[in-house]
């Protein structure tokens, strides 16, 4: 990547612009939407499949290699504790910002209520907190990797690393094999990332062509408020965290995160963006052993962008049903969304499950999700971008905190 005359971020941005322009053109051409979905989207899907293919081995071997390089099992607990606290705090801030913005928009009558008669929506099945905890631990070593169940893959990687450390001298050969595979898949990831400008263009083009007309409709203001919330959260919360907790300039943070953010926006996939997020985090000073643990965990439990989406949609759906949300309802939504971010980890359609839980917590009909489901992909692009940005912020912050912790003990780490 460093050998290119122009940085990768430039080429990804160029691909994004080409994709948007192509989508606008195809949107205006008779049969253009079918062309975009039938002939452009498959190439984007191929690129996304390649990224997803490399994610599981990258996570498995990178986390295991990270544990081995730490040399101390207690350090994993320290990193994990800081990570979970960071994610819960930023998610709570996100939902609070969303509720303030959405309530203000409703007070100013910017939301246009939609008809709610005849609505039907069945959210994906949720699971209890205990079921979530049980499902974190795999019953075999193959199915989690085949199904890309990241929480279970993380557990496998942690136990692999722990076992190699505890085996001592007899585990050194296995440790070298793990580190070798980690390096090999890192190189494979670099090859795939070189295709990102074309992949981004092919992913964004059909989205613009298919959803363009709906954005101009009555849901435009809801979408705008959500994106304002995304922007404010990134500018306020992540910038503060970078400056205060990591000593990194916010401008430097967002500039170096640009490739991952643009990939997340076009793909709407946290897992597909994970290779980009990992590389950008390391450029910001996050140690690989920390980032390799924090980022996959964040891709499953960190829901800052999703929390903003839920807050805005909850207020909008409540307005459509004529439900007035009081202060106690707002607090309930904040608590529910924050805790649900972990409770729904690894559940397919987690965003919709969380929104259903939020609506039920304040007695808003769940069928109201159908009002916004039509443009969910457009919400998803923004919320995925914020989610992965929060993951990277956490990786950098936790890395810096671990560095300071090691320095206080008189044992500086690399």
Protein backbone atom coordinates (compact mmCIF):
# COMPACT_ATOMS: atom_id res chain seq x y z
CA UNK A 1 0.00 0.00 0.00
CA UNK A 2 2.82 2.43 0.83
CA UNK A 3 4.35 1.91 -2.64
CA UNK A 4 1.38 3.58 -4.36
CA UNK A 5 1.93 7.14 -5.56
CA UNK A 6 -1.48 8.05 -4.16
CA UNK A 7 -2.76 6.66 -0.84
CA UNK A 8 -5.33 3.89 -0.72
CA UNK A 9 -7.87 6.28 0.80
CA UNK A 10 -7.79 8.33 -2.42
CA UNK A 11 -8.48 5.31 -4.61
CA UNK A 12 -11.28 4.07 -2.36
CA UNK A 13 -12.86 7.53 -2.38
CA UNK A 14 -12.56 7.61 -6.18
CA UNK A 15 -14.25 4.19 -6.33
CA UNK A 16 -16.99 5.46 -4.03
CA UNK A 17 -17.62 8.47 -6.27
CA UNK A 18 -17.66 6.35 -9.41
CA UNK A 19 -20.12 3.94 -7.79
CA UNK A 20 -22.45 6.74 -6.65
CA UNK A 21 -22.33 8.39 -10.08
CA UNK A 22 -22.98 5.06 -11.79
CA UNK A 23 -25.92 4.41 -9.48
CA UNK A 24 -27.45 7.82 -10.25
CA UNK A 25 -27.09 7.22 -13.99
CA UNK A 26 -28.58 3.71 -13.83
CA UNK A 27 -31.41 4.98 -11.62
CA UNK A 28 -32.48 7.28 -14.46
CA UNK A 29 -32.15 4.67 -17.21
CA UNK A 30 -35.08 2.29 -17.91
CA UNK A 31 -34.05 -1.12 -16.61
CA UNK A 32 -30.98 0.41 -14.99
CA UNK A 33 -31.82 -0.96 -11.55
CA UNK A 34 -31.90 -4.49 -12.96
CA UNK A 35 -28.54 -3.91 -14.64
CA UNK A 36 -27.04 -2.67 -11.37
CA UNK A 37 -28.39 -5.64 -9.40
CA UNK A 38 -27.69 -8.25 -12.06
CA UNK A 39 -24.31 -7.24 -13.46
CA UNK A 40 -22.62 -4.77 -11.08
CA UNK A 41 -23.60 -6.10 -7.66
CA UNK A 42 -22.12 -9.60 -8.24
CA UNK A 43 -18.61 -8.14 -8.52
CA UNK A 44 -19.11 -6.29 -5.25
CA UNK A 45 -20.34 -9.53 -3.69
CA UNK A 46 -17.22 -11.34 -4.90
CA UNK A 47 -15.02 -8.71 -3.26
CA UNK A 48 -17.01 -8.89 -0.02
CA UNK A 49 -16.81 -12.70 -0.07
CA UNK A 50 -13.02 -12.50 -0.37
CA UNK A 51 -12.87 -10.21 2.65
CA UNK A 52 -15.13 -12.49 4.67
CA UNK A 53 -13.03 -15.48 3.62
CA UNK A 54 -9.89 -13.98 5.16
CA UNK A 55 -11.57 -12.67 8.32
CA UNK A 56 -11.86 -15.97 10.24
CA UNK A 57 -8.21 -17.08 9.79
CA UNK A 58 -7.01 -13.52 10.47
CA UNK A 59 -8.98 -13.39 13.74
CA UNK A 60 -8.04 -16.93 14.78
CA UNK A 61 -4.30 -16.68 14.21
CA UNK A 62 -3.90 -12.98 15.07
CA UNK A 63 -5.57 -13.32 18.47
CA UNK A 64 -3.68 -16.52 19.27
CA UNK A 65 -0.40 -14.89 18.21
CA UNK A 66 -1.31 -11.82 20.27
CA UNK A 67 -1.87 -13.92 23.39
CA UNK A 68 1.46 -15.67 22.83
CA UNK A 69 3.28 -12.34 22.41
CA UNK A 70 1.71 -10.97 25.61
CA UNK A 71 3.26 -13.87 27.48
CA UNK A 72 0.85 -13.44 30.40
CA UNK A 73 -2.75 -14.64 30.55
CA UNK A 74 -3.69 -11.90 33.04
CA UNK A 75 -3.04 -9.24 30.39
CA UNK A 76 -5.90 -10.65 28.30
CA UNK A 77 -8.30 -10.06 31.20
CA UNK A 78 -7.04 -6.50 31.57
CA UNK A 79 -7.55 -5.77 27.87
CA UNK A 80 -10.99 -7.44 27.82
CA UNK A 81 -12.27 -5.50 30.83
CA UNK A 82 -11.22 -2.12 29.42
CA UNK A 83 -12.73 -3.03 26.05
CA UNK A 84 -16.18 -3.93 27.38
CA UNK A 85 -16.36 -0.80 29.58
CA UNK A 86 -15.35 1.42 26.64
CA UNK A 87 -17.97 -0.12 24.35
CA UNK A 88 -20.79 0.16 26.91
CA UNK A 89 -19.98 3.80 27.69
CA UNK A 90 -19.81 4.92 24.05
CA UNK A 91 -23.04 3.06 23.22
CA UNK A 92 -24.83 4.86 26.07
CA UNK A 93 -23.55 8.22 24.77
CA UNK A 94 -24.68 7.29 21.25
CA UNK A 95 -28.27 6.50 22.18
CA UNK A 96 -28.49 9.65 24.34
CA UNK A 97 -27.32 11.83 21.43
CA UNK A 98 -29.81 10.14 19.10
CA UNK A 99 -32.74 10.70 21.48
CA UNK A 100 -31.87 14.39 21.91
CA UNK A 101 -31.66 14.95 18.15
CA UNK A 102 -34.79 12.96 17.32
CA UNK A 103 -36.82 14.62 20.09
CA UNK A 104 -35.73 18.03 18.81
CA UNK A 105 -36.71 17.09 15.26
CA UNK A 106 -40.10 15.89 16.45
CA UNK A 107 -40.65 19.08 18.47
CA UNK A 108 -39.89 21.12 15.37
CA UNK A 109 -42.31 18.91 13.39
CA UNK A 110 -39.61 17.84 10.95
CA UNK A 111 -40.80 14.22 11.02
CA UNK A 112 -43.73 13.47 8.70
CA UNK A 113 -45.84 10.73 10.38
CA UNK A 114 -46.67 7.78 8.15
CA UNK A 115 -49.83 5.67 8.14
CA UNK A 116 -49.57 2.64 10.42
CA UNK A 117 -52.64 0.67 9.34
CA UNK A 118 -52.04 -2.83 8.02
CA UNK A 119 -48.41 -2.97 9.07
CA UNK A 120 -46.89 -6.39 9.67
CA UNK A 121 -43.36 -7.14 10.79
CA UNK A 122 -41.81 -10.16 12.48
CA UNK A 123 -38.37 -9.37 13.92
CA UNK A 124 -35.67 -12.05 13.99
CA UNK A 125 -35.89 -14.28 17.04
CA UNK A 126 -34.08 -12.87 20.06
CA UNK A 127 -32.39 -14.86 22.81
CA UNK A 128 -31.98 -14.48 26.55
CA UNK A 129 -28.79 -13.20 28.16
CA UNK A 130 -27.99 -16.69 29.49
CA UNK A 131 -28.45 -18.19 26.01
CA UNK A 132 -26.04 -15.58 24.67
CA UNK A 133 -23.46 -16.51 27.33
CA UNK A 134 -23.86 -20.24 26.61
CA UNK A 135 -23.54 -19.68 22.85
CA UNK A 136 -20.22 -17.90 23.30
CA UNK A 137 -18.55 -21.23 24.05
CA UNK A 138 -18.33 -23.61 21.05
CA UNK A 139 -19.18 -27.31 21.26
CA UNK A 140 -16.68 -28.11 18.51
CA UNK A 141 -13.82 -26.34 16.76
CA UNK A 142 -15.09 -26.56 13.16
CA UNK A 143 -18.62 -25.12 13.00
CA UNK A 144 -17.73 -21.66 14.46
CA UNK A 145 -15.17 -21.16 11.69
CA UNK A 146 -17.50 -22.52 9.00
CA UNK A 147 -20.34 -20.26 10.18
CA UNK A 148 -18.04 -17.27 10.93
CA UNK A 149 -19.37 -17.06 14.50
CA UNK A 150 -16.87 -14.47 15.67
CA UNK A 151 -17.48 -14.74 19.41
CA UNK A 152 -16.82 -18.48 19.30
CA UNK A 153 -13.80 -18.02 17.01
CA UNK A 154 -12.39 -15.53 19.55
CA UNK A 155 -12.86 -18.09 22.34
CA UNK A 156 -11.10 -20.78 20.27
CA UNK A 157 -8.21 -18.41 19.54
CA UNK A 158 -7.88 -17.44 23.21
CA UNK A 159 -7.76 -21.07 24.36
CA UNK A 160 -5.25 -21.89 21.62
CA UNK A 161 -3.01 -19.06 22.79
CA UNK A 162 -3.46 -20.00 26.46
CA UNK A 163 -2.62 -23.63 25.72
CA UNK A 164 0.57 -22.73 23.86
CA UNK A 165 1.70 -20.46 26.72
CA UNK A 166 0.94 -23.06 29.38
CA UNK A 167 2.75 -25.78 27.40
CA UNK A 168 6.00 -23.86 27.83
CA UNK A 169 8.93 -25.19 25.83
CA UNK A 170 6.83 -27.93 24.23
CA UNK A 171 4.44 -25.31 22.86
CA UNK A 172 7.11 -23.21 21.16
CA UNK A 173 6.81 -25.07 17.84
CA UNK A 174 3.03 -24.58 17.82
CA UNK A 175 3.59 -20.91 18.66
CA UNK A 176 5.88 -20.45 15.66
CA UNK A 177 3.31 -22.17 13.41
CA UNK A 178 0.56 -19.83 14.65
CA UNK A 179 2.73 -16.75 14.10
CA UNK A 180 3.67 -18.01 10.63
CA UNK A 181 0.02 -18.51 9.64
CA UNK A 182 -0.82 -15.08 11.06
CA UNK A 183 1.79 -13.49 8.80
CA UNK A 184 0.65 -15.52 5.75
CA UNK A 185 -2.98 -14.45 6.08
CA UNK A 186 -1.86 -10.87 6.69
CA UNK A 187 -0.20 -10.96 3.26
CA UNK A 188 -3.33 -12.49 1.70
CA UNK A 189 -5.35 -9.68 3.27
CA UNK A 190 -3.03 -7.10 1.70
CA UNK A 191 -3.62 -8.65 -1.74
CA UNK A 192 -7.41 -8.52 -1.32
CA UNK A 193 -7.33 -4.93 -0.07
CA UNK A 194 -5.72 -3.84 -3.34
CA UNK A 195 -9.03 -4.66 -5.04
CA UNK A 196 -10.96 -2.35 -2.72
CA UNK A 197 -11.52 0.63 -5.12
CA UNK A 198 -13.29 -1.61 -7.64
CA UNK A 199 -15.10 -3.52 -4.90
CA UNK A 200 -16.38 -0.33 -3.27
CA UNK A 201 -17.69 1.00 -6.58
CA UNK A 202 -19.54 -2.23 -7.32
CA UNK A 203 -21.04 -2.36 -3.81
CA UNK A 204 -22.35 1.20 -3.67
CA UNK A 205 -23.67 1.46 -7.24
CA UNK A 206 -26.71 -0.89 -6.88
CA UNK A 207 -27.57 0.63 -3.48
CA UNK A 208 -27.85 4.11 -5.00
CA UNK A 209 -29.72 2.84 -8.06
CA UNK A 210 -32.23 0.85 -6.01
CA UNK A 211 -32.84 3.19 -3.06
CA UNK A 212 -32.43 6.61 -4.63
CA UNK A 213 -36.14 7.36 -5.17
CA UNK A 214 -37.08 6.35 -1.61
CA UNK A 215 -34.55 8.74 -0.09
CA UNK A 216 -36.44 11.62 -1.68
CA UNK A 217 -39.66 10.55 0.05
CA UNK A 218 -41.06 11.09 3.54
CA UNK A 219 -38.25 9.18 5.24
CA UNK A 220 -35.57 11.60 4.08
CA UNK A 221 -35.70 13.63 7.31
CA UNK A 222 -35.46 10.52 9.50
CA UNK A 223 -32.40 9.42 7.54
CA UNK A 224 -30.89 12.91 7.80
CA UNK A 225 -31.35 13.07 11.59
CA UNK A 226 -29.69 9.65 11.94
CA UNK A 227 -26.70 10.75 9.87
CA UNK A 228 -26.38 13.99 11.85
CA UNK A 229 -26.31 11.79 14.96
CA UNK A 230 -23.59 9.61 13.41
CA UNK A 231 -21.52 12.70 12.63
CA UNK A 232 -21.94 14.32 16.04
CA UNK A 233 -21.11 11.09 17.88
CA UNK A 234 -17.92 10.59 15.87
CA UNK A 235 -16.90 14.23 16.23
CA UNK A 236 -17.72 14.53 19.92
CA UNK A 237 -17.19 11.13 21.55
CA UNK A 238 -14.40 9.60 19.45
CA UNK A 239 -12.45 12.85 19.13
CA UNK A 240 -12.59 13.33 22.91
CA UNK A 241 -11.53 9.73 23.54
CA UNK A 242 -8.63 10.02 21.13
CA UNK A 243 -7.36 13.29 22.59
CA UNK A 244 -7.97 12.56 26.28
CA UNK A 245 -7.30 8.82 26.55
CA UNK A 246 -4.91 8.05 23.70
CA UNK A 247 -3.13 11.36 23.08
CA UNK A 248 -3.90 11.12 19.36
CA UNK A 249 -5.05 14.10 17.28
CA UNK A 250 -8.67 13.64 16.12
CA UNK A 251 -7.68 14.85 12.65
CA UNK A 252 -4.96 12.20 12.47
CA UNK A 253 -7.40 9.57 13.70
CA UNK A 254 -10.08 10.26 11.09
CA UNK A 255 -7.54 10.74 8.28
CA UNK A 256 -5.92 7.37 8.91
CA UNK A 257 -9.29 5.70 9.43
CA UNK A 258 -10.63 6.97 6.08
CA UNK A 259 -10.03 3.74 4.07
CA UNK A 260 -11.84 1.59 6.64
CA UNK A 261 -14.69 4.10 7.02
CA UNK A 262 -15.30 4.28 3.27
CA UNK A 263 -15.19 0.50 2.98
CA UNK A 264 -17.69 0.19 5.84
CA UNK A 265 -19.99 2.76 4.25
CA UNK A 266 -20.10 0.98 0.90
CA UNK A 267 -20.28 -2.61 2.21
CA UNK A 268 -22.40 -2.12 5.39
CA UNK A 269 -20.47 -5.07 6.84
CA UNK A 270 -18.41 -4.79 10.04
CA UNK A 271 -16.89 -8.22 9.46
CA UNK A 272 -16.10 -7.49 5.82
CA UNK A 273 -14.37 -4.26 6.87
CA UNK A 274 -12.38 -5.93 9.65
CA UNK A 275 -9.13 -6.31 7.63
CA UNK A 276 -9.21 -2.59 6.83
CA UNK A 277 -9.99 -1.65 10.44
CA UNK A 278 -7.12 -3.79 11.69
CA UNK A 279 -4.63 -2.18 9.33
CA UNK A 280 -5.81 1.37 10.05
CA UNK A 281 -5.71 0.76 13.82
CA UNK A 282 -2.12 -0.41 13.65
CA UNK A 283 -1.19 2.72 11.71
CA UNK A 284 -2.70 4.74 14.55
CA UNK A 285 -0.45 3.05 17.09
CA UNK A 286 -2.57 0.12 18.28
CA UNK A 287 -0.49 -2.97 19.02
CA UNK A 288 -1.47 -5.92 16.85
CA UNK A 289 -2.05 -8.27 19.79
CA UNK A 290 -4.49 -5.76 21.30
CA UNK A 291 -6.20 -4.77 18.05
CA UNK A 292 -6.58 -8.42 17.01
CA UNK A 293 -8.61 -9.04 20.17
CA UNK A 294 -10.50 -5.75 20.49
CA UNK A 295 -11.65 -5.36 16.87
CA UNK A 296 -13.33 -8.77 16.30
CA UNK A 297 -15.02 -8.42 19.70
CA UNK A 298 -16.20 -4.93 18.75
CA UNK A 299 -17.53 -6.19 15.41
CA UNK A 300 -20.01 -8.31 17.37
CA UNK A 301 -20.84 -6.31 20.52
CA UNK A 302 -20.03 -2.64 19.77
CA UNK A 303 -23.24 -1.01 18.51
CA UNK A 304 -22.71 2.77 18.68
CA UNK A 305 -24.05 3.41 15.18
CA UNK A 306 -26.86 0.91 15.71
CA UNK A 307 -27.81 2.66 18.96
CA UNK A 308 -28.15 5.98 17.14
CA UNK A 309 -30.32 4.32 14.50
CA UNK A 310 -32.51 2.82 17.22
CA UNK A 311 -32.95 6.09 19.08
CA UNK A 312 -33.97 8.03 15.98
CA UNK A 313 -36.26 5.29 14.69
CA UNK A 314 -37.88 4.77 18.10
CA UNK A 315 -38.87 8.45 18.34
CA UNK A 316 -40.07 8.49 14.71
CA UNK A 317 -42.15 5.30 15.08
CA UNK A 318 -43.59 6.59 18.36
CA UNK A 319 -44.65 9.79 16.55
CA UNK A 320 -46.36 7.74 13.83
CA UNK A 321 -48.38 5.87 16.48
CA UNK A 322 -49.07 9.05 18.47
CA UNK A 323 -47.07 7.81 21.48
CA UNK A 324 -45.52 10.49 23.68
CA UNK A 325 -42.14 9.48 25.12
CA UNK A 326 -41.38 10.93 28.56
CA UNK A 327 -38.08 11.23 30.43
CA UNK A 328 -38.51 7.80 32.04
CA UNK A 329 -39.09 6.29 28.57
CA UNK A 330 -35.89 7.93 27.32
CA UNK A 331 -33.90 6.47 30.22
CA UNK A 332 -35.43 3.06 29.56
CA UNK A 333 -34.43 3.25 25.90
CA UNK A 334 -30.84 4.19 26.84
CA UNK A 335 -30.52 1.29 29.28
CA UNK A 336 -32.21 -1.22 26.96
CA UNK A 337 -30.14 -0.30 23.90
CA UNK A 338 -26.88 -0.31 25.87
CA UNK A 339 -27.42 -3.73 27.45
CA UNK A 340 -28.97 -5.19 24.29
CA UNK A 341 -25.76 -4.39 22.37
CA UNK A 342 -24.13 -7.31 24.19
CA UNK A 343 -27.29 -9.39 24.62
CA UNK A 344 -27.83 -9.63 20.86
CA UNK A 345 -24.18 -10.24 19.94
CA UNK A 346 -23.87 -12.75 17.12
CA UNK A 347 -27.62 -12.83 16.38
CA UNK A 348 -28.48 -12.53 12.65
CA UNK A 349 -30.18 -9.19 12.03
CA UNK A 350 -28.96 -7.91 15.40
CA UNK A 351 -29.92 -4.32 14.54
CA UNK A 352 -33.56 -5.25 14.00
CA UNK A 353 -33.59 -7.44 17.10
CA UNK A 354 -32.26 -4.55 19.18
CA UNK A 355 -34.79 -2.12 17.71
CA UNK A 356 -37.61 -4.56 18.51
CA UNK A 357 -36.37 -4.82 22.11
CA UNK A 358 -36.19 -1.03 22.42
CA UNK A 359 -39.72 -0.56 21.07
CA UNK A 360 -41.12 -3.24 23.37
CA UNK A 361 -39.42 -1.69 26.40
CA UNK A 362 -41.51 1.50 26.00
CA UNK A 363 -44.69 -0.17 24.67
CA UNK A 364 -44.38 0.95 21.05
CA UNK A 365 -45.83 -1.59 18.55
CA UNK A 366 -43.03 -3.66 17.03
CA UNK A 367 -44.87 -3.62 13.70
CA UNK A 368 -43.66 -0.03 13.35
CA UNK A 369 -40.26 -1.36 12.26
CA UNK A 370 -41.89 -1.92 8.85
CA UNK A 371 -42.03 1.88 8.45
CA UNK A 372 -38.24 2.13 8.22
CA UNK A 373 -37.33 -1.37 7.00
CA UNK A 374 -37.49 -0.31 3.36
CA UNK A 375 -34.41 1.89 3.63
CA UNK A 376 -32.63 -0.11 6.33
CA UNK A 377 -29.63 -0.56 4.05
CA UNK A 378 -29.14 3.22 3.94
CA UNK A 379 -29.27 3.42 7.73
CA UNK A 380 -26.95 0.42 7.88
CA UNK A 381 -24.23 2.06 5.80
CA UNK A 382 -23.89 4.91 8.28
CA UNK A 383 -24.25 2.85 11.43
CA UNK A 384 -21.64 0.32 10.24
CA UNK A 385 -19.22 3.17 9.59
CA UNK A 386 -19.68 4.46 13.13
CA UNK A 387 -19.48 0.95 14.61
CA UNK A 388 -16.09 0.17 13.06
CA UNK A 389 -14.77 3.65 13.87
CA UNK A 390 -15.66 3.02 17.51
CA UNK A 391 -13.92 -0.37 17.33
CA UNK A 392 -10.72 1.28 16.12
CA UNK A 393 -10.96 4.05 18.73
CA UNK A 394 -11.23 1.40 21.43
CA UNK A 395 -8.24 -0.53 20.07
CA UNK A 396 -6.06 2.58 20.10
CA UNK A 397 -7.24 3.72 23.55
CA UNK A 398 -6.78 0.28 25.15
CA UNK A 399 -3.33 -0.09 23.54
CA UNK A 400 -2.20 3.26 24.95
CA UNK A 401 -3.64 2.43 28.37
CA UNK A 402 -1.82 -0.91 28.39
CA UNK A 403 1.40 0.86 27.40
CA UNK A 404 1.03 3.24 30.33
CA UNK A 405 0.19 0.35 32.66
CA UNK A 406 3.34 -1.50 31.58
CA UNK A 407 5.44 1.65 31.93
CA UNK A 408 4.26 2.12 35.52
CA UNK A 409 5.49 -1.39 36.26
CA UNK A 410 8.85 -0.55 34.74
CA UNK A 411 8.45 -2.99 31.85
CA UNK A 412 7.83 -1.03 28.64
CA UNK A 413 6.20 -3.09 25.92
CA UNK A 414 6.78 -2.96 22.23
